Amino acid sequence: MIEHMGLVPDLRWLGRPLARRVGRWLPTPSQQDGLHAFRRLADVHGSLKYAAAAAPRPESEAAETQEWFLEAGNVHAALSFQHRRLRNNHRAETPVAELGRRYRDQQRRAEILGSTAASWRVLLLPRAGQVFTLREAVVGCAAVQFGAWHRVRLLGRLLLDRVRPRGRA
C-alpha cells in the first residue's frame, strides 16, 4: 500500500516519507528466520526502498520473490510427502534412537523452511512420545494453532507412547 502511495501523484507527499519511516522500523531480514519470513521481509524492504525514491520496482525483483515462493511450495510438498513416508513406513521394531534421528531431521527441515506447523507435525508420527519430551510436546502444541481438543488428544497420545513401553516391560 505504501509503495502504491509513493507512485500515485496525489499521495506521493505522504507515501515517500511514510516509506522511509516504516523502513527504519522493520528488522533486517535474516535467513535464520526461515524462508518465508526472510523473503517477505526482504520483499517489503525492497518495496519501501523504491517507494521512498518514488520509482517503480524493477520487475526482476518481484519475479525473484515469486520464484522463491514457487520453489518453497515445491519444497513444502516434498516435506509433506516425507512426513507421510515416515508415518506409513513405520515399523514397531525400529529403535527409538533411529526414530529420534529421523523425526528430528524432519523437524529441522521444516524449521529451515520456516514452517512451524510442519515442524511440530512430527508429534503426530508413530511413537513420537518416545522421541520427544513432554516439555517439547507442550511447547509444540502451544506454537501451532491447534484447537483445545486436538491439543488434549495429541498430548494424551504422546503420554501413552511414553507409558506403554514401561508398562510392557
N, C-alpha and C. Protein backbone atom coordinates (compact mmCIF):
# COMPACT_ATOMS: atom_id res chain seq x y z
N MET A 1 0.82 -1.18 0.00
CA MET A 1 0.00 0.00 0.00
C MET A 1 0.88 1.26 0.00
N ILE A 2 1.92 1.26 0.83
CA ILE A 2 2.81 2.42 0.89
C ILE A 2 3.53 2.60 -0.43
N GLU A 3 3.92 1.49 -1.04
CA GLU A 3 4.58 1.55 -2.35
C GLU A 3 3.64 2.21 -3.36
N HIS A 4 2.40 1.80 -3.34
CA HIS A 4 1.41 2.37 -4.26
C HIS A 4 1.23 3.87 -3.99
N MET A 5 1.19 4.24 -2.71
CA MET A 5 1.04 5.66 -2.36
C MET A 5 2.20 6.49 -2.92
N GLY A 6 3.40 5.93 -2.89
CA GLY A 6 4.56 6.64 -3.39
C GLY A 6 4.54 6.84 -4.90
N LEU A 7 3.76 6.04 -5.60
CA LEU A 7 3.71 6.14 -7.06
C LEU A 7 2.52 6.94 -7.57
N VAL A 8 1.51 7.13 -6.74
CA VAL A 8 0.32 7.89 -7.15
C VAL A 8 0.58 9.37 -6.93
N PRO A 9 0.40 10.19 -7.97
CA PRO A 9 0.72 11.62 -7.84
C PRO A 9 0.03 12.33 -6.66
N ASP A 10 -1.23 11.99 -6.39
CA ASP A 10 -1.95 12.67 -5.31
C ASP A 10 -1.44 12.29 -3.92
N LEU A 11 -0.78 11.15 -3.80
CA LEU A 11 -0.38 10.66 -2.48
C LEU A 11 1.13 10.60 -2.27
N ARG A 12 1.91 11.03 -3.27
CA ARG A 12 3.36 10.97 -3.15
C ARG A 12 3.88 11.70 -1.93
N TRP A 13 3.28 12.83 -1.64
CA TRP A 13 3.71 13.64 -0.50
C TRP A 13 3.63 12.85 0.81
N LEU A 14 2.73 11.86 0.90
CA LEU A 14 2.59 11.05 2.10
C LEU A 14 3.35 9.72 1.97
N GLY A 15 3.35 9.15 0.79
CA GLY A 15 3.96 7.84 0.56
C GLY A 15 5.46 7.81 0.78
N ARG A 16 6.17 8.81 0.26
CA ARG A 16 7.64 8.81 0.38
C ARG A 16 8.11 8.89 1.83
N PRO A 17 7.66 9.87 2.61
CA PRO A 17 8.14 9.92 3.99
C PRO A 17 7.68 8.71 4.81
N LEU A 18 6.49 8.22 4.52
CA LEU A 18 6.00 7.05 5.23
C LEU A 18 6.86 5.82 4.93
N ALA A 19 7.27 5.68 3.67
CA ALA A 19 8.13 4.56 3.29
C ALA A 19 9.47 4.62 4.02
N ARG A 20 10.05 5.82 4.12
CA ARG A 20 11.33 5.96 4.84
C ARG A 20 11.18 5.60 6.31
N ARG A 21 10.10 6.10 6.92
CA ARG A 21 9.88 5.88 8.35
C ARG A 21 9.62 4.41 8.67
N VAL A 22 8.76 3.79 7.91
CA VAL A 22 8.42 2.38 8.14
C VAL A 22 9.64 1.50 7.87
N GLY A 23 10.41 1.84 6.85
CA GLY A 23 11.61 1.07 6.53
C GLY A 23 12.61 1.03 7.68
N ARG A 24 12.67 2.09 8.47
CA ARG A 24 13.59 2.12 9.61
C ARG A 24 13.09 1.25 10.77
N TRP A 25 11.80 1.06 10.87
CA TRP A 25 11.23 0.27 11.98
C TRP A 25 11.37 -1.23 11.76
N LEU A 26 11.44 -1.64 10.51
CA LEU A 26 11.46 -3.07 10.21
C LEU A 26 12.80 -3.71 10.58
N PRO A 27 12.75 -4.94 11.06
CA PRO A 27 14.01 -5.64 11.33
C PRO A 27 14.71 -6.02 10.04
N THR A 28 15.99 -6.26 10.11
CA THR A 28 16.76 -6.67 8.95
C THR A 28 16.43 -8.13 8.64
N PRO A 29 16.20 -8.47 7.37
CA PRO A 29 15.89 -9.87 7.04
C PRO A 29 17.06 -10.79 7.39
N SER A 30 16.74 -11.94 7.97
CA SER A 30 17.75 -12.92 8.32
C SER A 30 17.27 -14.30 7.87
N GLN A 31 18.15 -15.06 7.24
CA GLN A 31 17.75 -16.39 6.77
C GLN A 31 17.47 -17.33 7.93
N GLN A 32 17.95 -17.01 9.13
CA GLN A 32 17.67 -17.84 10.29
C GLN A 32 16.19 -17.78 10.68
N ASP A 33 15.47 -16.79 10.17
CA ASP A 33 14.05 -16.65 10.48
C ASP A 33 13.19 -17.60 9.66
N GLY A 34 13.80 -18.30 8.73
CA GLY A 34 13.04 -19.20 7.86
C GLY A 34 12.82 -18.55 6.50
N LEU A 35 12.56 -19.38 5.54
CA LEU A 35 12.45 -18.93 4.16
C LEU A 35 11.35 -17.89 3.97
N HIS A 36 10.15 -18.19 4.45
CA HIS A 36 9.03 -17.29 4.20
C HIS A 36 9.23 -15.94 4.88
N ALA A 37 9.62 -15.96 6.13
CA ALA A 37 9.83 -14.68 6.84
C ALA A 37 10.94 -13.88 6.18
N PHE A 38 12.03 -14.55 5.80
CA PHE A 38 13.16 -13.88 5.16
C PHE A 38 12.74 -13.23 3.84
N ARG A 39 12.07 -14.00 2.97
CA ARG A 39 11.69 -13.46 1.66
C ARG A 39 10.64 -12.36 1.78
N ARG A 40 9.68 -12.53 2.67
CA ARG A 40 8.65 -11.50 2.83
C ARG A 40 9.27 -10.20 3.31
N LEU A 41 10.14 -10.31 4.31
CA LEU A 41 10.77 -9.11 4.86
C LEU A 41 11.70 -8.46 3.83
N ALA A 42 12.44 -9.27 3.09
CA ALA A 42 13.32 -8.73 2.05
C ALA A 42 12.48 -8.04 0.97
N ASP A 43 11.34 -8.63 0.64
CA ASP A 43 10.46 -8.05 -0.36
C ASP A 43 9.88 -6.71 0.11
N VAL A 44 9.48 -6.65 1.37
CA VAL A 44 8.94 -5.40 1.92
C VAL A 44 10.02 -4.33 1.97
N HIS A 45 11.24 -4.69 2.36
CA HIS A 45 12.35 -3.73 2.36
C HIS A 45 12.59 -3.16 0.96
N GLY A 46 12.61 -4.04 -0.05
CA GLY A 46 12.80 -3.58 -1.43
C GLY A 46 11.67 -2.67 -1.88
N SER A 47 10.45 -3.06 -1.52
CA SER A 47 9.29 -2.26 -1.89
C SER A 47 9.37 -0.86 -1.28
N LEU A 48 9.73 -0.78 0.00
CA LEU A 48 9.81 0.52 0.67
C LEU A 48 10.95 1.37 0.13
N LYS A 49 12.05 0.72 -0.24
CA LYS A 49 13.19 1.45 -0.80
C LYS A 49 12.77 2.17 -2.08
N TYR A 50 12.07 1.48 -2.95
CA TYR A 50 11.63 2.10 -4.20
C TYR A 50 10.50 3.09 -3.98
N ALA A 51 9.67 2.84 -2.97
CA ALA A 51 8.59 3.78 -2.66
C ALA A 51 9.16 5.09 -2.14
N ALA A 52 10.21 5.02 -1.32
CA ALA A 52 10.84 6.23 -0.79
C ALA A 52 11.47 7.05 -1.92
N ALA A 53 11.95 6.35 -2.94
CA ALA A 53 12.56 7.04 -4.09
C ALA A 53 11.53 7.40 -5.15
N ALA A 54 10.27 7.02 -4.91
CA ALA A 54 9.17 7.26 -5.86
C ALA A 54 9.51 6.70 -7.24
N ALA A 55 10.09 5.52 -7.24
CA ALA A 55 10.43 4.86 -8.50
C ALA A 55 9.78 3.48 -8.52
N PRO A 56 9.34 3.04 -9.69
CA PRO A 56 8.75 1.70 -9.75
C PRO A 56 9.82 0.63 -9.51
N ARG A 57 9.41 -0.42 -8.85
CA ARG A 57 10.33 -1.52 -8.59
C ARG A 57 10.62 -2.27 -9.88
N PRO A 58 11.85 -2.68 -10.09
CA PRO A 58 12.16 -3.47 -11.28
C PRO A 58 11.39 -4.79 -11.26
N GLU A 59 10.93 -5.20 -12.40
CA GLU A 59 10.17 -6.44 -12.50
C GLU A 59 10.98 -7.63 -12.01
N SER A 60 12.29 -7.58 -12.17
CA SER A 60 13.14 -8.70 -11.77
C SER A 60 13.05 -8.97 -10.27
N GLU A 61 12.87 -7.93 -9.45
CA GLU A 61 12.76 -8.13 -8.01
C GLU A 61 11.50 -8.88 -7.65
N ALA A 62 10.37 -8.48 -8.21
CA ALA A 62 9.11 -9.18 -7.94
C ALA A 62 9.18 -10.61 -8.47
N ALA A 63 9.80 -10.80 -9.63
CA ALA A 63 9.92 -12.14 -10.20
C ALA A 63 10.78 -13.03 -9.32
N GLU A 64 11.83 -12.46 -8.74
CA GLU A 64 12.71 -13.24 -7.87
C GLU A 64 11.94 -13.73 -6.65
N THR A 65 11.16 -12.86 -6.04
CA THR A 65 10.37 -13.25 -4.87
C THR A 65 9.36 -14.32 -5.26
N GLN A 66 8.71 -14.13 -6.39
CA GLN A 66 7.73 -15.12 -6.84
C GLN A 66 8.41 -16.47 -7.06
N GLU A 67 9.58 -16.47 -7.64
CA GLU A 67 10.32 -17.72 -7.88
C GLU A 67 10.66 -18.41 -6.56
N TRP A 68 11.10 -17.64 -5.58
CA TRP A 68 11.42 -18.20 -4.27
C TRP A 68 10.19 -18.90 -3.68
N PHE A 69 9.04 -18.23 -3.76
CA PHE A 69 7.83 -18.81 -3.17
C PHE A 69 7.35 -20.04 -3.95
N LEU A 70 7.50 -20.02 -5.26
CA LEU A 70 7.15 -21.21 -6.04
C LEU A 70 8.03 -22.39 -5.66
N GLU A 71 9.32 -22.14 -5.56
CA GLU A 71 10.24 -23.21 -5.17
C GLU A 71 9.97 -23.68 -3.75
N ALA A 72 9.67 -22.73 -2.86
CA ALA A 72 9.38 -23.10 -1.47
C ALA A 72 8.13 -23.97 -1.42
N GLY A 73 7.15 -23.67 -2.25
CA GLY A 73 5.94 -24.50 -2.29
C GLY A 73 6.26 -25.93 -2.68
N ASN A 74 7.16 -26.08 -3.64
CA ASN A 74 7.58 -27.43 -4.05
C ASN A 74 8.33 -28.13 -2.92
N VAL A 75 9.14 -27.40 -2.20
CA VAL A 75 9.89 -27.99 -1.10
C VAL A 75 8.93 -28.38 0.03
N HIS A 76 7.92 -27.55 0.30
CA HIS A 76 6.92 -27.88 1.32
C HIS A 76 6.16 -29.15 0.94
N ALA A 77 5.85 -29.29 -0.34
CA ALA A 77 5.17 -30.51 -0.79
C ALA A 77 6.06 -31.72 -0.55
N ALA A 78 7.34 -31.60 -0.87
CA ALA A 78 8.27 -32.70 -0.64
C ALA A 78 8.37 -33.03 0.85
N LEU A 79 8.34 -32.01 1.69
CA LEU A 79 8.38 -32.21 3.13
C LEU A 79 7.14 -32.97 3.61
N SER A 80 5.98 -32.64 3.05
CA SER A 80 4.75 -33.35 3.41
C SER A 80 4.81 -34.81 2.99
N PHE A 81 5.36 -35.08 1.81
CA PHE A 81 5.49 -36.45 1.37
C PHE A 81 6.47 -37.22 2.26
N GLN A 82 7.52 -36.56 2.71
CA GLN A 82 8.48 -37.20 3.61
C GLN A 82 7.79 -37.55 4.93
N HIS A 83 6.94 -36.66 5.43
CA HIS A 83 6.19 -36.91 6.67
C HIS A 83 5.31 -38.16 6.48
N ARG A 84 4.63 -38.21 5.35
CA ARG A 84 3.76 -39.36 5.07
C ARG A 84 4.57 -40.64 5.00
N ARG A 85 5.74 -40.56 4.37
CA ARG A 85 6.60 -41.74 4.26
C ARG A 85 7.04 -42.23 5.63
N LEU A 86 7.40 -41.28 6.52
CA LEU A 86 7.78 -41.66 7.88
C LEU A 86 6.63 -42.35 8.60
N ARG A 87 5.42 -41.85 8.39
CA ARG A 87 4.25 -42.42 9.04
C ARG A 87 3.92 -43.80 8.47
N ASN A 88 3.87 -43.90 7.14
CA ASN A 88 3.46 -45.15 6.51
C ASN A 88 4.50 -46.27 6.61
N ASN A 89 5.76 -45.92 6.65
CA ASN A 89 6.83 -46.93 6.70
C ASN A 89 7.30 -47.23 8.11
N HIS A 90 6.57 -46.77 9.10
CA HIS A 90 6.98 -47.01 10.48
C HIS A 90 6.91 -48.51 10.81
N ARG A 91 7.93 -48.98 11.50
CA ARG A 91 7.98 -50.37 11.96
C ARG A 91 8.15 -50.36 13.47
N ALA A 92 7.41 -51.21 14.15
CA ALA A 92 7.44 -51.26 15.62
C ALA A 92 8.83 -51.62 16.15
N GLU A 93 9.59 -52.36 15.36
CA GLU A 93 10.92 -52.80 15.83
C GLU A 93 12.02 -51.75 15.61
N THR A 94 11.70 -50.62 15.01
CA THR A 94 12.69 -49.56 14.80
C THR A 94 13.14 -49.01 16.14
N PRO A 95 14.44 -48.98 16.41
CA PRO A 95 14.93 -48.47 17.69
C PRO A 95 14.56 -46.99 17.88
N VAL A 96 14.33 -46.61 19.12
CA VAL A 96 13.94 -45.24 19.44
C VAL A 96 15.01 -44.25 18.99
N ALA A 97 16.27 -44.61 19.11
CA ALA A 97 17.36 -43.72 18.69
C ALA A 97 17.26 -43.41 17.19
N GLU A 98 16.94 -44.42 16.40
CA GLU A 98 16.81 -44.22 14.96
C GLU A 98 15.57 -43.37 14.65
N LEU A 99 14.47 -43.65 15.34
CA LEU A 99 13.26 -42.82 15.18
C LEU A 99 13.57 -41.37 15.52
N GLY A 100 14.29 -41.17 16.61
CA GLY A 100 14.65 -39.82 17.05
C GLY A 100 15.44 -39.09 15.98
N ARG A 101 16.39 -39.79 15.39
CA ARG A 101 17.18 -39.16 14.32
C ARG A 101 16.30 -38.78 13.14
N ARG A 102 15.45 -39.68 12.71
CA ARG A 102 14.56 -39.40 11.57
C ARG A 102 13.59 -38.26 11.86
N TYR A 103 12.96 -38.32 13.04
CA TYR A 103 11.95 -37.32 13.38
C TYR A 103 12.57 -35.94 13.58
N ARG A 104 13.72 -35.90 14.21
CA ARG A 104 14.37 -34.60 14.43
C ARG A 104 14.92 -34.03 13.12
N ASP A 105 15.37 -34.90 12.21
CA ASP A 105 15.78 -34.43 10.87
C ASP A 105 14.59 -33.81 10.15
N GLN A 106 13.44 -34.47 10.24
CA GLN A 106 12.23 -33.94 9.61
C GLN A 106 11.86 -32.59 10.22
N GLN A 107 11.98 -32.50 11.52
CA GLN A 107 11.66 -31.25 12.22
C GLN A 107 12.62 -30.14 11.79
N ARG A 108 13.90 -30.44 11.67
CA ARG A 108 14.89 -29.44 11.25
C ARG A 108 14.62 -28.94 9.83
N ARG A 109 14.25 -29.85 8.93
CA ARG A 109 13.94 -29.44 7.55
C ARG A 109 12.79 -28.44 7.55
N ALA A 110 11.77 -28.71 8.34
CA ALA A 110 10.62 -27.81 8.40
C ALA A 110 11.01 -26.47 9.00
N GLU A 111 11.86 -26.47 10.01
CA GLU A 111 12.31 -25.22 10.63
C GLU A 111 13.11 -24.39 9.64
N ILE A 112 13.93 -25.04 8.84
CA ILE A 112 14.72 -24.32 7.84
C ILE A 112 13.80 -23.61 6.85
N LEU A 113 12.67 -24.25 6.53
CA LEU A 113 11.71 -23.64 5.61
C LEU A 113 10.85 -22.59 6.29
N GLY A 114 10.96 -22.50 7.61
CA GLY A 114 10.16 -21.52 8.34
C GLY A 114 8.73 -21.97 8.57
N SER A 115 8.48 -23.28 8.53
CA SER A 115 7.14 -23.81 8.73
C SER A 115 7.00 -24.38 10.14
N THR A 116 6.47 -23.57 11.02
CA THR A 116 6.27 -24.01 12.41
C THR A 116 5.31 -25.19 12.46
N ALA A 117 4.24 -25.12 11.68
CA ALA A 117 3.25 -26.20 11.69
C ALA A 117 3.87 -27.52 11.26
N ALA A 118 4.62 -27.52 10.18
CA ALA A 118 5.25 -28.76 9.71
C ALA A 118 6.31 -29.23 10.70
N SER A 119 6.96 -28.29 11.36
CA SER A 119 7.98 -28.65 12.34
C SER A 119 7.39 -29.44 13.50
N TRP A 120 6.24 -29.00 13.97
CA TRP A 120 5.63 -29.68 15.12
C TRP A 120 4.66 -30.78 14.72
N ARG A 121 4.41 -30.92 13.44
CA ARG A 121 3.55 -32.01 12.98
C ARG A 121 4.21 -33.36 13.20
N VAL A 122 5.52 -33.36 13.41
CA VAL A 122 6.22 -34.63 13.70
C VAL A 122 5.69 -35.26 14.99
N LEU A 123 5.07 -34.47 15.85
CA LEU A 123 4.49 -35.03 17.08
C LEU A 123 3.37 -36.03 16.76
N LEU A 124 2.83 -35.98 15.56
CA LEU A 124 1.75 -36.88 15.16
C LEU A 124 2.26 -38.21 14.63
N LEU A 125 3.56 -38.34 14.43
CA LEU A 125 4.12 -39.57 13.89
C LEU A 125 4.10 -40.68 14.95
N PRO A 126 4.08 -41.94 14.52
CA PRO A 126 4.04 -43.06 15.46
C PRO A 126 5.22 -43.04 16.44
N ARG A 127 4.91 -43.29 17.69
CA ARG A 127 5.88 -43.37 18.79
C ARG A 127 6.65 -42.07 19.01
N ALA A 128 6.09 -40.95 18.60
CA ALA A 128 6.74 -39.66 18.81
C ALA A 128 6.92 -39.37 20.29
N GLY A 129 6.04 -39.92 21.13
CA GLY A 129 6.15 -39.73 22.57
C GLY A 129 7.39 -40.36 23.16
N GLN A 130 7.96 -41.31 22.46
CA GLN A 130 9.21 -41.92 22.92
C GLN A 130 10.42 -41.12 22.49
N VAL A 131 10.23 -40.25 21.51
CA VAL A 131 11.32 -39.44 20.97
C VAL A 131 11.38 -38.07 21.63
N PHE A 132 10.22 -37.43 21.75
CA PHE A 132 10.17 -36.06 22.27
C PHE A 132 9.78 -36.05 23.74
N THR A 133 10.35 -35.12 24.47
CA THR A 133 9.99 -34.97 25.88
C THR A 133 8.61 -34.33 25.99
N LEU A 134 8.01 -34.46 27.15
CA LEU A 134 6.70 -33.85 27.37
C LEU A 134 6.81 -32.33 27.23
N ARG A 135 7.91 -31.77 27.70
CA ARG A 135 8.11 -30.31 27.58
C ARG A 135 8.12 -29.89 26.12
N GLU A 136 8.84 -30.64 25.28
CA GLU A 136 8.88 -30.33 23.84
C GLU A 136 7.48 -30.42 23.23
N ALA A 137 6.71 -31.41 23.66
CA ALA A 137 5.36 -31.58 23.13
C ALA A 137 4.46 -30.41 23.52
N VAL A 138 4.58 -29.97 24.76
CA VAL A 138 3.76 -28.83 25.22
C VAL A 138 4.15 -27.57 24.46
N VAL A 139 5.45 -27.34 24.29
CA VAL A 139 5.92 -26.18 23.52
C VAL A 139 5.41 -26.26 22.08
N GLY A 140 5.47 -27.45 21.49
CA GLY A 140 4.99 -27.63 20.12
C GLY A 140 3.50 -27.38 20.00
N CYS A 141 2.74 -27.86 20.96
CA CYS A 141 1.28 -27.64 20.93
C CYS A 141 0.95 -26.17 21.08
N ALA A 142 1.74 -25.45 21.84
CA ALA A 142 1.50 -24.01 22.03
C ALA A 142 1.92 -23.21 20.80
N ALA A 143 2.91 -23.70 20.07
CA ALA A 143 3.45 -22.96 18.92
C ALA A 143 2.52 -23.00 17.71
N VAL A 144 1.70 -24.03 17.63
CA VAL A 144 0.84 -24.23 16.46
C VAL A 144 -0.61 -23.95 16.85
N GLN A 145 -1.39 -23.50 15.91
CA GLN A 145 -2.78 -23.16 16.19
C GLN A 145 -3.66 -24.41 16.15
N PHE A 146 -3.49 -25.26 17.16
CA PHE A 146 -4.36 -26.41 17.33
C PHE A 146 -5.55 -25.98 18.16
N GLY A 147 -6.68 -26.66 17.97
CA GLY A 147 -7.82 -26.44 18.84
C GLY A 147 -7.58 -27.14 20.16
N ALA A 148 -8.35 -26.79 21.18
CA ALA A 148 -8.16 -27.37 22.52
C ALA A 148 -8.28 -28.90 22.48
N TRP A 149 -9.29 -29.41 21.77
CA TRP A 149 -9.47 -30.85 21.71
C TRP A 149 -8.27 -31.53 21.05
N HIS A 150 -7.74 -30.93 20.00
CA HIS A 150 -6.58 -31.51 19.32
C HIS A 150 -5.36 -31.53 20.24
N ARG A 151 -5.21 -30.50 21.03
CA ARG A 151 -4.09 -30.46 21.98
C ARG A 151 -4.21 -31.59 23.00
N VAL A 152 -5.43 -31.78 23.53
CA VAL A 152 -5.66 -32.84 24.52
C VAL A 152 -5.37 -34.20 23.90
N ARG A 153 -5.88 -34.45 22.70
CA ARG A 153 -5.64 -35.73 22.02
C ARG A 153 -4.16 -35.96 21.77
N LEU A 154 -3.49 -34.93 21.28
CA LEU A 154 -2.07 -35.06 20.94
C LEU A 154 -1.24 -35.33 22.19
N LEU A 155 -1.43 -34.53 23.22
CA LEU A 155 -0.65 -34.72 24.45
C LEU A 155 -1.00 -36.06 25.11
N GLY A 156 -2.27 -36.44 25.06
CA GLY A 156 -2.67 -37.74 25.62
C GLY A 156 -2.00 -38.89 24.90
N ARG A 157 -1.97 -38.80 23.58
CA ARG A 157 -1.33 -39.85 22.79
C ARG A 157 0.17 -39.91 23.08
N LEU A 158 0.79 -38.74 23.20
CA LEU A 158 2.22 -38.73 23.49
C LEU A 158 2.50 -39.31 24.88
N LEU A 159 1.65 -39.02 25.83
CA LEU A 159 1.82 -39.59 27.17
C LEU A 159 1.68 -41.12 27.12
N LEU A 160 0.70 -41.61 26.36
CA LEU A 160 0.54 -43.06 26.20
C LEU A 160 1.78 -43.68 25.57
N ASP A 161 2.35 -43.01 24.57
CA ASP A 161 3.59 -43.51 23.94
C ASP A 161 4.71 -43.63 24.98
N ARG A 162 4.75 -42.71 25.90
CA ARG A 162 5.82 -42.74 26.90
C ARG A 162 5.58 -43.80 27.96
N VAL A 163 4.32 -44.08 28.27
CA VAL A 163 3.97 -45.02 29.34
C VAL A 163 3.96 -46.45 28.84
N ARG A 164 3.51 -46.69 27.63
CA ARG A 164 3.34 -48.05 27.11
C ARG A 164 4.59 -48.94 27.22
N PRO A 165 5.76 -48.49 26.78
CA PRO A 165 6.92 -49.39 26.85
C PRO A 165 7.26 -49.78 28.28
N ARG A 166 7.07 -48.86 29.21
CA ARG A 166 7.37 -49.17 30.62
C ARG A 166 6.38 -50.19 31.17
N GLY A 167 5.12 -50.06 30.77
CA GLY A 167 4.09 -50.97 31.25
C GLY A 167 4.28 -52.38 30.73
N ARG A 168 4.80 -52.54 29.52
CA ARG A 168 5.01 -53.86 28.92
C ARG A 168 6.24 -54.56 29.48
N ALA A 169 7.19 -53.78 29.99
CA ALA A 169 8.46 -54.37 30.46
C ALA A 169 8.32 -55.04 31.78
